[in-house]
Amino acid sequence: GSTLYGGRIGGEHKLSDKFTLLASASMEARMHDGSDTLFLVKRSDTQYDIKVSMNYLPAKAWTISPSVTYTSNNSNIIINKYDRTVIAISARRDFE
């Protein structure tokens, strides 16, 4: 088990009828209850995420969304510490 807390904030801004800019930031802290079996310490992590994306509406019912997400996880156990950047593009079709 673990105890966790955190928060997230975000927003969006409509640039035009076809483009919307979105951004969010979040933080999560996790304190694990038991000791790690290999390192013999209680694991503690703090994770930060920042995401920027855009929604593009090329045609009715279609949304194209490119995004960039940066994650930084700080941990008192070195093998659980990392930084990651994800670049993605998604396409969505809404059906009525």
PDB file of N, CA and C in Angstrom:
ATOM      1  N   GLY A   1       0.811  -1.178   0.000  1.00  0.00           N
ATOM      2  CA  GLY A   1       0.000   0.000   0.000  1.00  0.00           C
ATOM      3  C   GLY A   1       0.861   1.250   0.000  1.00  0.00           C
ATOM      4  N   SER A   2       0.199   2.352  -0.235  1.00  0.00           N
ATOM      5  CA  SER A   2       0.915   3.622  -0.252  1.00  0.00           C
ATOM      6  C   SER A   2      -0.035   4.764   0.067  1.00  0.00           C
ATOM      7  N   THR A   3       0.548   5.887   0.455  1.00  0.00           N
ATOM      8  CA  THR A   3      -0.190   7.126   0.668  1.00  0.00           C
ATOM      9  C   THR A   3       0.182   8.058  -0.468  1.00  0.00           C
ATOM     10  N   LEU A   4      -0.799   8.708  -1.051  1.00  0.00           N
ATOM     11  CA  LEU A   4      -0.478   9.622  -2.131  1.00  0.00           C
ATOM     12  C   LEU A   4      -1.326  10.877  -2.052  1.00  0.00           C
ATOM     13  N   TYR A   5      -0.780  11.938  -2.600  1.00  0.00           N
ATOM     14  CA  TYR A   5      -1.513  13.189  -2.761  1.00  0.00           C
ATOM     15  C   TYR A   5      -0.955  13.901  -3.972  1.00  0.00           C
ATOM     16  N   GLY A   6      -1.709  14.834  -4.485  1.00  0.00           N
ATOM     17  CA  GLY A   6      -1.253  15.561  -5.661  1.00  0.00           C
ATOM     18  C   GLY A   6      -2.295  16.546  -6.131  1.00  0.00           C
ATOM     19  N   GLY A   7      -2.020  17.104  -7.275  1.00  0.00           N
ATOM     20  CA  GLY A   7      -2.940  18.064  -7.859  1.00  0.00           C
ATOM     21  C   GLY A   7      -2.657  18.261  -9.326  1.00  0.00           C
ATOM     22  N   ARG A   8      -3.629  18.821 -10.013  1.00  0.00           N
ATOM     23  CA  ARG A   8      -3.506  19.067 -11.448  1.00  0.00           C
ATOM     24  C   ARG A   8      -4.198  20.376 -11.772  1.00  0.00           C
ATOM     25  N   ILE A   9      -3.610  21.128 -12.685  1.00  0.00           N
ATOM     26  CA  ILE A   9      -4.215  22.355 -13.172  1.00  0.00           C
ATOM     27  C   ILE A   9      -4.047  22.370 -14.683  1.00  0.00           C
ATOM     28  N   GLY A  10      -5.019  22.931 -15.346  1.00  0.00           N
ATOM     29  CA  GLY A  10      -4.937  22.983 -16.796  1.00  0.00           C
ATOM     30  C   GLY A  10      -5.893  24.006 -17.362  1.00  0.00           C
ATOM     31  N   GLY A  11      -5.772  24.215 -18.634  1.00  0.00           N
ATOM     32  CA  GLY A  11      -6.658  25.161 -19.297  1.00  0.00           C
ATOM     33  C   GLY A  11      -6.589  24.993 -20.796  1.00  0.00           C
ATOM     34  N   GLU A  12      -7.490  25.673 -21.439  1.00  0.00           N
ATOM     35  CA  GLU A  12      -7.496  25.663 -22.897  1.00  0.00           C
ATOM     36  C   GLU A  12      -7.868  27.046 -23.408  1.00  0.00           C
ATOM     37  N   HIS A  13      -7.378  27.331 -24.599  1.00  0.00           N
ATOM     38  CA  HIS A  13      -7.641  28.623 -25.218  1.00  0.00           C
ATOM     39  C   HIS A  13      -7.988  28.385 -26.686  1.00  0.00           C
ATOM     40  N   LYS A  14      -9.169  28.811 -27.084  1.00  0.00           N
ATOM     41  CA  LYS A  14      -9.611  28.644 -28.462  1.00  0.00           C
ATOM     42  C   LYS A  14      -8.946  29.709 -29.318  1.00  0.00           C
ATOM     43  N   LEU A  15      -8.123  29.268 -30.258  1.00  0.00           N
ATOM     44  CA  LEU A  15      -7.410  30.186 -31.142  1.00  0.00           C
ATOM     45  C   LEU A  15      -8.249  30.592 -32.341  1.00  0.00           C
ATOM     46  N   SER A  16      -9.081  29.664 -32.826  1.00  0.00           N
ATOM     47  CA  SER A  16      -9.967  29.911 -33.966  1.00  0.00           C
ATOM     48  C   SER A  16     -11.031  28.821 -33.962  1.00  0.00           C
ATOM     49  N   ASP A  17     -11.872  28.798 -34.979  1.00  0.00           N
ATOM     50  CA  ASP A  17     -12.899  27.756 -35.067  1.00  0.00           C
ATOM     51  C   ASP A  17     -12.290  26.363 -35.220  1.00  0.00           C
ATOM     52  N   LYS A  18     -11.073  26.281 -35.731  1.00  0.00           N
ATOM     53  CA  LYS A  18     -10.454  24.986 -36.002  1.00  0.00           C
ATOM     54  C   LYS A  18      -9.328  24.609 -35.040  1.00  0.00           C
ATOM     55  N   PHE A  19      -8.800  25.563 -34.271  1.00  0.00           N
ATOM     56  CA  PHE A  19      -7.643  25.288 -33.418  1.00  0.00           C
ATOM     57  C   PHE A  19      -7.906  25.675 -31.963  1.00  0.00           C
ATOM     58  N   THR A  20      -7.571  24.749 -31.044  1.00  0.00           N
ATOM     59  CA  THR A  20      -7.644  25.007 -29.606  1.00  0.00           C
ATOM     60  C   THR A  20      -6.324  24.557 -28.985  1.00  0.00           C
ATOM     61  N   LEU A  21      -5.717  25.431 -28.184  1.00  0.00           N
ATOM     62  CA  LEU A  21      -4.480  25.130 -27.480  1.00  0.00           C
ATOM     63  C   LEU A  21      -4.824  24.666 -26.068  1.00  0.00           C
ATOM     64  N   LEU A  22      -4.194  23.585 -25.609  1.00  0.00           N
ATOM     65  CA  LEU A  22      -4.439  23.037 -24.273  1.00  0.00           C
ATOM     66  C   LEU A  22      -3.113  22.864 -23.538  1.00  0.00           C
ATOM     67  N   ALA A  23      -3.132  23.064 -22.231  1.00  0.00           N
ATOM     68  CA  ALA A  23      -1.939  22.865 -21.405  1.00  0.00           C
ATOM     69  C   ALA A  23      -2.366  22.388 -20.025  1.00  0.00           C
ATOM     70  N   SER A  24      -1.527  21.557 -19.409  1.00  0.00           N
ATOM     71  CA  SER A  24      -1.802  21.099 -18.048  1.00  0.00           C
ATOM     72  C   SER A  24      -0.487  20.803 -17.341  1.00  0.00           C
ATOM     73  N   ALA A  25      -0.548  20.889 -16.022  1.00  0.00           N
ATOM     74  CA  ALA A  25       0.596  20.548 -15.170  1.00  0.00           C
ATOM     75  C   ALA A  25       0.060  19.793 -13.966  1.00  0.00           C
ATOM     76  N   SER A  26       0.815  18.791 -13.515  1.00  0.00           N
ATOM     77  CA  SER A  26       0.369  18.024 -12.363  1.00  0.00           C
ATOM     78  C   SER A  26       1.567  17.602 -11.511  1.00  0.00           C
ATOM     79  N   MET A  27       1.262  17.292 -10.261  1.00  0.00           N
ATOM     80  CA  MET A  27       2.256  16.804  -9.311  1.00  0.00           C
ATOM     81  C   MET A  27       1.598  15.730  -8.467  1.00  0.00           C
ATOM     82  N   GLU A  28       2.337  14.657  -8.225  1.00  0.00           N
ATOM     83  CA  GLU A  28       1.835  13.569  -7.388  1.00  0.00           C
ATOM     84  C   GLU A  28       2.973  13.078  -6.498  1.00  0.00           C
ATOM     85  N   ALA A  29       2.714  12.960  -5.209  1.00  0.00           N
ATOM     86  CA  ALA A  29       3.690  12.419  -4.262  1.00  0.00           C
ATOM     87  C   ALA A  29       3.157  11.086  -3.743  1.00  0.00           C
ATOM     88  N   ARG A  30       4.047  10.093  -3.707  1.00  0.00           N
ATOM     89  CA  ARG A  30       3.680   8.755  -3.242  1.00  0.00           C
ATOM     90  C   ARG A  30       4.662   8.308  -2.169  1.00  0.00           C
ATOM     91  N   MET A  31       4.130   7.892  -1.029  1.00  0.00           N
ATOM     92  CA  MET A  31       4.946   7.341   0.047  1.00  0.00           C
ATOM     93  C   MET A  31       4.486   5.899   0.271  1.00  0.00           C
ATOM     94  N   HIS A  32       5.334   4.955  -0.033  1.00  0.00           N
ATOM     95  CA  HIS A  32       4.983   3.545   0.077  1.00  0.00           C
ATOM     96  C   HIS A  32       5.101   3.089   1.534  1.00  0.00           C
ATOM     97  N   ASP A  33       4.203   2.209   1.934  1.00  0.00           N
ATOM     98  CA  ASP A  33       4.135   1.782   3.328  1.00  0.00           C
ATOM     99  C   ASP A  33       5.262   0.844   3.738  1.00  0.00           C
ATOM    100  N   GLY A  34       5.544  -0.144   2.927  1.00  0.00           N
ATOM    101  CA  GLY A  34       6.547  -1.135   3.303  1.00  0.00           C
ATOM    102  C   GLY A  34       7.917  -0.826   2.730  1.00  0.00           C
ATOM    103  N   SER A  35       8.921  -1.510   3.246  1.00  0.00           N
ATOM    104  CA  SER A  35      10.283  -1.344   2.741  1.00  0.00           C
ATOM    105  C   SER A  35      10.461  -2.097   1.437  1.00  0.00           C
ATOM    106  N   ASP A  36      11.247  -1.525   0.553  1.00  0.00           N
ATOM    107  CA  ASP A  36      11.616  -2.186  -0.698  1.00  0.00           C
ATOM    108  C   ASP A  36      12.466  -3.407  -0.354  1.00  0.00           C
ATOM    109  N   THR A  37      12.160  -4.561  -0.965  1.00  0.00           N
ATOM    110  CA  THR A  37      12.848  -5.806  -0.609  1.00  0.00           C
ATOM    111  C   THR A  37      14.314  -5.823  -1.029  1.00  0.00           C
ATOM    112  N   LEU A  38      14.683  -5.056  -2.040  1.00  0.00           N
ATOM    113  CA  LEU A  38      16.067  -5.031  -2.500  1.00  0.00           C
ATOM    114  C   LEU A  38      16.893  -3.938  -1.815  1.00  0.00           C
ATOM    115  N   PHE A  39      16.308  -2.739  -1.671  1.00  0.00           N
ATOM    116  CA  PHE A  39      17.052  -1.604  -1.127  1.00  0.00           C
ATOM    117  C   PHE A  39      16.820  -1.381   0.377  1.00  0.00           C
ATOM    118  N   LEU A  40      15.841  -2.086   0.962  1.00  0.00           N
ATOM    119  CA  LEU A  40      15.562  -2.059   2.400  1.00  0.00           C
ATOM    120  C   LEU A  40      15.261  -0.661   2.955  1.00  0.00           C
ATOM    121  N   VAL A  41      14.593   0.171   2.148  1.00  0.00           N
ATOM    122  CA  VAL A  41      14.126   1.494   2.578  1.00  0.00           C
ATOM    123  C   VAL A  41      12.691   1.667   2.091  1.00  0.00           C
ATOM    124  N   LYS A  42      11.960   2.549   2.737  1.00  0.00           N
ATOM    125  CA  LYS A  42      10.620   2.872   2.272  1.00  0.00           C
ATOM    126  C   LYS A  42      10.734   3.784   1.057  1.00  0.00           C
ATOM    127  N   ARG A  43      10.096   3.375  -0.027  1.00  0.00           N
ATOM    128  CA  ARG A  43      10.170   4.139  -1.278  1.00  0.00           C
ATOM    129  C   ARG A  43       9.313   5.392  -1.188  1.00  0.00           C
ATOM    130  N   SER A  44       9.835   6.472  -1.741  1.00  0.00           N
ATOM    131  CA  SER A  44       9.140   7.754  -1.789  1.00  0.00           C
ATOM    132  C   SER A  44       9.384   8.371  -3.165  1.00  0.00           C
ATOM    133  N   ASP A  45       8.308   8.736  -3.863  1.00  0.00           N
ATOM    134  CA  ASP A  45       8.408   9.310  -5.211  1.00  0.00           C
ATOM    135  C   ASP A  45       7.650  10.631  -5.287  1.00  0.00           C
ATOM    136  N   THR A  46       8.149  11.531  -6.100  1.00  0.00           N
ATOM    137  CA  THR A  46       7.422  12.743  -6.462  1.00  0.00           C
ATOM    138  C   THR A  46       7.486  12.862  -7.983  1.00  0.00           C
ATOM    139  N   GLN A  47       6.316  12.914  -8.612  1.00  0.00           N
ATOM    140  CA  GLN A  47       6.246  12.948 -10.067  1.00  0.00           C
ATOM    141  C   GLN A  47       5.626  14.258 -10.530  1.00  0.00           C
ATOM    142  N   TYR A  48       6.236  14.856 -11.560  1.00  0.00           N
ATOM    143  CA  TYR A  48       5.744  16.089 -12.177  1.00  0.00           C
ATOM    144  C   TYR A  48       5.469  15.816 -13.654  1.00  0.00           C
ATOM    145  N   ASP A  49       4.349  16.323 -14.146  1.00  0.00           N
ATOM    146  CA  ASP A  49       3.998  16.182 -15.561  1.00  0.00           C
ATOM    147  C   ASP A  49       3.604  17.545 -16.125  1.00  0.00           C
ATOM    148  N   ILE A  50       4.060  17.818 -17.333  1.00  0.00           N
ATOM    149  CA  ILE A  50       3.651  19.014 -18.074  1.00  0.00           C
ATOM    150  C   ILE A  50       3.234  18.556 -19.465  1.00  0.00           C
ATOM    151  N   LYS A  51       2.055  18.980 -19.898  1.00  0.00           N
ATOM    152  CA  LYS A  51       1.551  18.581 -21.212  1.00  0.00           C
ATOM    153  C   LYS A  51       1.057  19.794 -21.976  1.00  0.00           C
ATOM    154  N   VAL A  52       1.429  19.855 -23.250  1.00  0.00           N
ATOM    155  CA  VAL A  52       0.945  20.890 -24.159  1.00  0.00           C
ATOM    156  C   VAL A  52       0.409  20.172 -25.387  1.00  0.00           C
ATOM    157  N   SER A  53      -0.799  20.543 -25.782  1.00  0.00           N
ATOM    158  CA  SER A  53      -1.387  19.906 -26.959  1.00  0.00           C
ATOM    159  C   SER A  53      -2.264  20.900 -27.714  1.00  0.00           C
ATOM    160  N   MET A  54      -2.681  20.474 -28.886  1.00  0.00           N
ATOM    161  CA  MET A  54      -3.542  21.310 -29.705  1.00  0.00           C
ATOM    162  C   MET A  54      -4.596  20.421 -30.350  1.00  0.00           C
ATOM    163  N   ASN A  55      -5.814  20.892 -30.377  1.00  0.00           N
ATOM    164  CA  ASN A  55      -6.874  20.205 -31.108  1.00  0.00           C
ATOM    165  C   ASN A  55      -7.099  20.937 -32.422  1.00  0.00           C
ATOM    166  N   TYR A  56      -7.060  20.171 -33.495  1.00  0.00           N
ATOM    167  CA  TYR A  56      -7.308  20.705 -34.833  1.00  0.00           C
ATOM    168  C   TYR A  56      -8.528  19.995 -35.396  1.00  0.00           C
ATOM    169  N   LEU A  57      -9.501  20.760 -35.876  1.00  0.00           N
ATOM    170  CA  LEU A  57     -10.738  20.211 -36.424  1.00  0.00           C
ATOM    171  C   LEU A  57     -10.706  20.370 -37.945  1.00  0.00           C
ATOM    172  N   PRO A  58     -10.188  19.375 -38.671  1.00  0.00           N
ATOM    173  CA  PRO A  58     -10.062  19.505 -40.122  1.00  0.00           C
ATOM    174  C   PRO A  58     -11.384  19.346 -40.878  1.00  0.00           C
ATOM    175  N   ALA A  59     -12.326  18.617 -40.282  1.00  0.00           N
ATOM    176  CA  ALA A  59     -13.628  18.372 -40.907  1.00  0.00           C
ATOM    177  C   ALA A  59     -14.636  18.050 -39.808  1.00  0.00           C
ATOM    178  N   LYS A  60     -15.910  18.067 -40.152  1.00  0.00           N
ATOM    179  CA  LYS A  60     -16.948  17.777 -39.171  1.00  0.00           C
ATOM    180  C   LYS A  60     -16.711  16.409 -38.527  1.00  0.00           C
ATOM    181  N   ALA A  61     -16.780  16.354 -37.200  1.00  0.00           N
ATOM    182  CA  ALA A  61     -16.663  15.141 -36.379  1.00  0.00           C
ATOM    183  C   ALA A  61     -15.242  14.597 -36.282  1.00  0.00           C
ATOM    184  N   TRP A  62     -14.261  15.258 -36.849  1.00  0.00           N
ATOM    185  CA  TRP A  62     -12.868  14.807 -36.777  1.00  0.00           C
ATOM    186  C   TRP A  62     -12.032  15.762 -35.934  1.00  0.00           C
ATOM    187  N   THR A  63     -11.131  15.201 -35.112  1.00  0.00           N
ATOM    188  CA  THR A  63     -10.188  15.983 -34.312  1.00  0.00           C
ATOM    189  C   THR A  63      -8.808  15.344 -34.428  1.00  0.00           C
ATOM    190  N   ILE A  64      -7.821  16.148 -34.793  1.00  0.00           N
ATOM    191  CA  ILE A  64      -6.423  15.728 -34.814  1.00  0.00           C
ATOM    192  C   ILE A  64      -5.740  16.443 -33.646  1.00  0.00           C
ATOM    193  N   SER A  65      -5.021  15.684 -32.800  1.00  0.00           N
ATOM    194  CA  SER A  65      -4.428  16.254 -31.585  1.00  0.00           C
ATOM    195  C   SER A  65      -2.953  15.882 -31.441  1.00  0.00           C
ATOM    196  N   PRO A  66      -2.041  16.764 -31.848  1.00  0.00           N
ATOM    197  CA  PRO A  66      -0.635  16.544 -31.521  1.00  0.00           C
ATOM    198  C   PRO A  66      -0.381  16.989 -30.074  1.00  0.00           C
ATOM    199  N   SER A  67       0.539  16.315 -29.389  1.00  0.00           N
ATOM    200  CA  SER A  67       0.829  16.678 -28.000  1.00  0.00           C
ATOM    201  C   SER A  67       2.272  16.347 -27.639  1.00  0.00           C
ATOM    202  N   VAL A  68       2.769  17.065 -26.628  1.00  0.00           N
ATOM    203  CA  VAL A  68       4.076  16.798 -26.046  1.00  0.00           C
ATOM    204  C   VAL A  68       3.879  16.732 -24.531  1.00  0.00           C
ATOM    205  N   THR A  69       4.332  15.650 -23.917  1.00  0.00           N
ATOM    206  CA  THR A  69       4.230  15.477 -22.464  1.00  0.00           C
ATOM    207  C   THR A  69       5.619  15.205 -21.897  1.00  0.00           C
ATOM    208  N   TYR A  70       5.977  15.961 -20.868  1.00  0.00           N
ATOM    209  CA  TYR A  70       7.242  15.747 -20.165  1.00  0.00           C
ATOM    210  C   TYR A  70       6.926  15.262 -18.754  1.00  0.00           C
ATOM    211  N   THR A  71       7.559  14.168 -18.340  1.00  0.00           N
ATOM    212  CA  THR A  71       7.381  13.598 -17.007  1.00  0.00           C
ATOM    213  C   THR A  71       8.743  13.489 -16.319  1.00  0.00           C
ATOM    214  N   SER A  72       8.781  13.905 -15.057  1.00  0.00           N
ATOM    215  CA  SER A  72       9.975  13.742 -14.229  1.00  0.00           C
ATOM    216  C   SER A  72       9.546  13.057 -12.938  1.00  0.00           C
ATOM    217  N   ASN A  73      10.108  11.881 -12.685  1.00  0.00           N
ATOM    218  CA  ASN A  73       9.810  11.147 -11.458  1.00  0.00           C
ATOM    219  C   ASN A  73      11.071  11.107 -10.604  1.00  0.00           C
ATOM    220  N   ASN A  74      11.007  11.753  -9.450  1.00  0.00           N
ATOM    221  CA  ASN A  74      12.118  11.744  -8.494  1.00  0.00           C
ATOM    222  C   ASN A  74      11.811  10.714  -7.423  1.00  0.00           C
ATOM    223  N   SER A  75      12.810   9.897  -7.086  1.00  0.00           N
ATOM    224  CA  SER A  75      12.612   8.820  -6.120  1.00  0.00           C
ATOM    225  C   SER A  75      13.839   8.697  -5.230  1.00  0.00           C
ATOM    226  N   ASN A  76      13.620   8.230  -4.016  1.00  0.00           N
ATOM    227  CA  ASN A  76      14.756   7.971  -3.140  1.00  0.00           C
ATOM    228  C   ASN A  76      15.453   6.653  -3.490  1.00  0.00           C
ATOM    229  N   ILE A  77      14.878   5.868  -4.405  1.00  0.00           N
ATOM    230  CA  ILE A  77      15.501   4.645  -4.925  1.00  0.00           C
ATOM    231  C   ILE A  77      15.872   4.923  -6.378  1.00  0.00           C
ATOM    232  N   ILE A  78      17.142   4.922  -6.666  1.00  0.00           N
ATOM    233  CA  ILE A  78      17.678   5.402  -7.939  1.00  0.00           C
ATOM    234  C   ILE A  78      17.071   4.722  -9.167  1.00  0.00           C
ATOM    235  N   ILE A  79      16.750   3.442  -9.099  1.00  0.00           N
ATOM    236  CA  ILE A  79      16.218   2.767 -10.285  1.00  0.00           C
ATOM    237  C   ILE A  79      14.796   3.215 -10.622  1.00  0.00           C
ATOM    238  N   ASN A  80      14.133   3.931  -9.716  1.00  0.00           N
ATOM    239  CA  ASN A  80      12.783   4.437  -9.966  1.00  0.00           C
ATOM    240  C   ASN A  80      12.780   5.915 -10.370  1.00  0.00           C
ATOM    241  N   LYS A  81      13.956   6.507 -10.528  1.00  0.00           N
ATOM    242  CA  LYS A  81      14.067   7.899 -10.932  1.00  0.00           C
ATOM    243  C   LYS A  81      14.209   7.961 -12.454  1.00  0.00           C
ATOM    244  N   TYR A  82      13.399   8.814 -13.116  1.00  0.00           N
ATOM    245  CA  TYR A  82      13.483   8.919 -14.576  1.00  0.00           C
ATOM    246  C   TYR A  82      12.894  10.230 -15.069  1.00  0.00           C
ATOM    247  N   ASP A  83      13.245  10.578 -16.282  1.00  0.00           N
ATOM    248  CA  ASP A  83      12.644  11.662 -17.047  1.00  0.00           C
ATOM    249  C   ASP A  83      12.185  11.052 -18.366  1.00  0.00           C
ATOM    250  N   ARG A  84      11.045  11.530 -18.857  1.00  0.00           N
ATOM    251  CA  ARG A  84      10.491  10.972 -20.094  1.00  0.00           C
ATOM    252  C   ARG A  84       9.796  12.077 -20.871  1.00  0.00           C
ATOM    253  N   THR A  85       9.965  12.068 -22.178  1.00  0.00           N
ATOM    254  CA  THR A  85       9.237  12.973 -23.067  1.00  0.00           C
ATOM    255  C   THR A  85       8.490  12.121 -24.081  1.00  0.00           C
ATOM    256  N   VAL A  86       7.194  12.373 -24.209  1.00  0.00           N
ATOM    257  CA  VAL A  86       6.363  11.630 -25.152  1.00  0.00           C
ATOM    258  C   VAL A  86       5.773  12.624 -26.147  1.00  0.00           C
ATOM    259  N   ILE A  87       5.986  12.350 -27.428  1.00  0.00           N
ATOM    260  CA  ILE A  87       5.390  13.137 -28.504  1.00  0.00           C
ATOM    261  C   ILE A  87       4.379  12.224 -29.181  1.00  0.00           C
ATOM    262  N   ALA A  88       3.141  12.699 -29.296  1.00  0.00           N
ATOM    263  CA  ALA A  88       2.082  11.849 -29.848  1.00  0.00           C
ATOM    264  C   ALA A  88       1.161  12.656 -30.762  1.00  0.00           C
ATOM    265  N   ILE A  89       0.533  11.949 -31.667  1.00  0.00           N
ATOM    266  CA  ILE A  89      -0.519  12.524 -32.516  1.00  0.00           C
ATOM    267  C   ILE A  89      -1.671  11.529 -32.510  1.00  0.00           C
ATOM    268  N   SER A  90      -2.852  12.030 -32.191  1.00  0.00           N
ATOM    269  CA  SER A  90      -4.020  11.152 -32.200  1.00  0.00           C
ATOM    270  C   SER A  90      -5.079  11.721 -33.135  1.00  0.00           C
ATOM    271  N   ALA A  91      -5.890  10.820 -33.657  1.00  0.00           N
ATOM    272  CA  ALA A  91      -7.015  11.199 -34.514  1.00  0.00           C
ATOM    273  C   ALA A  91      -8.278  10.610 -33.906  1.00  0.00           C
ATOM    274  N   ARG A  92      -9.324  11.423 -33.855  1.00  0.00           N
ATOM    275  CA  ARG A  92     -10.588  10.967 -33.272  1.00  0.00           C
ATOM    276  C   ARG A  92     -11.734  11.302 -34.215  1.00  0.00           C
ATOM    277  N   ARG A  93     -12.655  10.344 -34.336  1.00  0.00           N
ATOM    278  CA  ARG A  93     -13.878  10.534 -35.127  1.00  0.00           C
ATOM    279  C   ARG A  93     -15.045  10.381 -34.187  1.00  0.00           C
ATOM    280  N   ASP A  94     -15.890  11.398 -34.070  1.00  0.00           N
ATOM    281  CA  ASP A  94     -17.089  11.343 -33.230  1.00  0.00           C
ATOM    282  C   ASP A  94     -18.280  10.901 -34.079  1.00  0.00           C
ATOM    283  N   PHE A  95     -19.053   9.959 -33.546  1.00  0.00           N
ATOM    284  CA  PHE A  95     -20.249   9.467 -34.231  1.00  0.00           C
ATOM    285  C   PHE A  95     -21.480   9.943 -33.474  1.00  0.00           C
ATOM    286  N   GLU A  96     -22.448  10.363 -34.194  1.00  0.00           N
ATOM    287  CA  GLU A  96     -23.692  10.861 -33.563  1.00  0.00           C
ATOM    288  C   GLU A  96     -24.770   9.833 -33.591  1.00  0.00           C
TER     289      GLU A  96
END
